[in-house]
Amino acid sequence: MKTFKIILLLALVFFAGAVVGVVGTRAVVRRAVSRAFLHPEEVQMFMERNLTRRLRLDNDQQAKLHQILSDTHGQLKDLRQQYRPQLVEIFSNANEQINLMLTPEQQARFERLKSENRPLLQAMQQNHRQAANSI
């Protein structure tokens, strides 16, 4: 009986560790993605620092890398603005189709899920507005 309790305790500790790991990882990833959408310039700085360190770039290479990443950032910003209306329409259409196939109870849960993700979506929209104003 004592052995069973020890095994059960170890299993519970292992399970609790796995749950904490999954929840913690999800929170960290969600925060990192949100931060990347809110502050894309930080992503560029991180990439520059990381590549400079790992590739051991000299000053001239660092300057060229900065210019390449800045140009790429601008091109991606333009591309996002160009395709944003289509993306919004596609996602709206998908949400409507999903809503139509759900039961009323599932629709309520779906709305809750969307509202949980709304801060990230609002952050993305704010970032797009700021990017549009900076052009």
Protein backbone atom coordinates (compact mmCIF):
# COMPACT_ATOMS: atom_id res chain seq x y z
CA MET A 1 0.00 0.00 0.00
CA LYS A 2 2.82 2.37 0.83
CA THR A 3 4.48 1.71 -2.55
CA PHE A 4 1.22 2.50 -4.33
CA LYS A 5 0.94 5.86 -2.56
CA ILE A 6 4.51 6.75 -3.52
CA ILE A 7 3.90 5.81 -7.14
CA LEU A 8 0.64 7.77 -7.16
CA LEU A 9 2.36 10.79 -5.62
CA LEU A 10 5.16 10.65 -8.20
CA ALA A 11 2.62 10.34 -11.02
CA LEU A 12 0.68 13.34 -9.69
CA VAL A 13 3.85 15.41 -9.38
CA PHE A 14 4.86 14.45 -12.93
CA PHE A 15 1.38 15.27 -14.27
CA ALA A 16 1.31 18.61 -12.42
CA GLY A 17 4.74 19.46 -13.86
CA ALA A 18 3.54 18.67 -17.37
CA VAL A 19 0.43 20.83 -16.95
CA VAL A 20 2.45 23.74 -15.57
CA GLY A 21 4.92 23.35 -18.45
CA VAL A 22 2.21 23.40 -21.10
CA VAL A 23 0.35 26.35 -19.57
CA GLY A 24 3.59 28.27 -18.99
CA THR A 25 4.84 27.65 -22.51
CA ARG A 26 1.51 28.74 -23.97
CA ALA A 27 1.58 31.97 -21.96
CA VAL A 28 5.18 32.75 -22.93
CA VAL A 29 4.55 32.06 -26.63
CA ARG A 30 1.37 34.13 -26.63
CA ARG A 31 3.21 37.02 -24.98
CA ALA A 32 6.12 36.77 -27.43
CA VAL A 33 3.81 36.76 -30.45
CA SER A 34 1.82 39.67 -29.07
CA ARG A 35 5.01 41.62 -28.40
CA ALA A 36 6.29 40.90 -31.92
CA PHE A 37 3.06 42.30 -33.38
CA LEU A 38 3.10 45.35 -31.13
CA HIS A 39 6.80 46.11 -31.56
CA PRO A 40 8.12 44.68 -34.84
CA GLU A 41 11.22 46.85 -34.56
CA GLU A 42 12.25 44.78 -31.53
CA VAL A 43 12.16 41.66 -33.69
CA GLN A 44 14.56 43.29 -36.11
CA MET A 45 16.88 44.33 -33.25
CA PHE A 46 16.77 40.79 -31.84
CA MET A 47 17.59 39.30 -35.24
CA GLU A 48 20.46 41.74 -35.73
CA ARG A 49 21.94 41.00 -32.31
CA ASN A 50 21.49 37.26 -32.73
CA LEU A 51 23.02 37.10 -36.21
CA THR A 52 25.85 39.46 -35.26
CA ARG A 53 26.77 37.31 -32.27
CA ARG A 54 26.33 33.89 -33.86
CA LEU A 55 27.97 34.77 -37.19
CA ARG A 56 30.60 37.03 -35.59
CA LEU A 57 29.90 39.85 -38.02
CA ASP A 58 32.31 42.77 -38.27
CA ASN A 59 31.10 46.41 -38.21
CA ASP A 60 30.73 46.66 -41.99
CA GLN A 61 28.70 43.43 -42.11
CA GLN A 62 26.54 44.65 -39.23
CA ALA A 63 25.74 47.87 -41.09
CA LYS A 64 24.83 45.92 -44.24
CA LEU A 65 22.69 43.49 -42.22
CA HIS A 66 20.87 46.41 -40.60
CA GLN A 67 20.13 47.92 -44.01
CA ILE A 68 18.94 44.57 -45.43
CA LEU A 69 16.62 43.94 -42.48
CA SER A 70 15.30 47.51 -42.53
CA ASP A 71 14.53 47.27 -46.25
CA THR A 72 12.88 43.89 -45.72
CA HIS A 73 10.80 45.29 -42.86
CA GLY A 74 9.56 48.10 -45.09
CA GLN A 75 8.70 45.72 -47.92
CA LEU A 76 6.80 43.42 -45.56
CA LYS A 77 4.92 46.38 -44.09
CA ASP A 78 3.85 47.44 -47.58
CA LEU A 79 2.80 43.90 -48.43
CA ARG A 80 0.77 43.55 -45.22
CA GLN A 81 -1.06 46.81 -45.94
CA GLN A 82 -1.79 45.71 -49.49
CA TYR A 83 -3.29 42.36 -48.47
CA ARG A 84 -4.84 43.33 -45.13
CA PRO A 85 -8.36 44.03 -46.50
CA GLN A 86 -8.44 40.62 -48.15
CA LEU A 87 -7.25 38.92 -44.96
CA VAL A 88 -9.90 40.66 -42.88
CA GLU A 89 -12.59 39.55 -45.34
CA ILE A 90 -11.32 35.94 -45.39
CA PHE A 91 -11.23 35.72 -41.58
CA SER A 92 -14.65 37.34 -41.25
CA ASN A 93 -16.09 34.90 -43.76
CA ALA A 94 -14.51 31.95 -41.95
CA ASN A 95 -15.92 33.16 -38.61
CA GLU A 96 -19.41 33.46 -40.12
CA GLN A 97 -19.22 29.96 -41.62
CA ILE A 98 -18.00 28.48 -38.35
CA ASN A 99 -20.74 30.26 -36.42
CA LEU A 100 -23.42 28.87 -38.76
CA MET A 101 -22.38 25.28 -38.14
CA LEU A 102 -22.29 25.56 -34.33
CA THR A 103 -25.03 24.93 -31.82
CA PRO A 104 -26.09 27.92 -29.68
CA GLU A 105 -23.99 26.62 -26.77
CA GLN A 106 -20.97 26.21 -29.03
CA GLN A 107 -21.55 29.68 -30.48
CA ALA A 108 -21.36 31.14 -26.98
CA ARG A 109 -18.09 29.27 -26.35
CA PHE A 110 -16.76 30.39 -29.74
CA GLU A 111 -17.53 34.02 -28.86
CA ARG A 112 -15.70 33.59 -25.53
CA LEU A 113 -12.68 32.15 -27.35
CA LYS A 114 -12.67 35.05 -29.78
CA SER A 115 -12.95 37.56 -26.94
CA GLU A 116 -9.97 35.92 -25.19
CA ASN A 117 -7.92 36.54 -28.32
CA ARG A 118 -9.34 40.01 -28.93
CA PRO A 119 -6.48 41.85 -27.12
CA LEU A 120 -3.98 40.27 -29.51
CA LEU A 121 -6.14 41.14 -32.51
CA GLN A 122 -6.56 44.72 -31.28
CA ALA A 123 -2.80 44.98 -30.80
CA MET A 124 -2.29 43.79 -34.37
CA GLN A 125 -4.81 46.34 -35.67
CA GLN A 126 -3.18 49.12 -33.66
CA ASN A 127 0.20 48.14 -35.06
CA HIS A 128 -1.18 48.25 -38.60
CA ARG A 129 -2.69 51.70 -37.99
CA GLN A 130 0.62 52.99 -36.63
CA ALA A 131 2.47 51.51 -39.59
CA ALA A 132 0.04 53.16 -41.99
CA ASN A 133 0.51 56.53 -40.30
CA SER A 134 4.30 56.28 -40.45
CA ILE A 135 4.38 55.93 -44.23
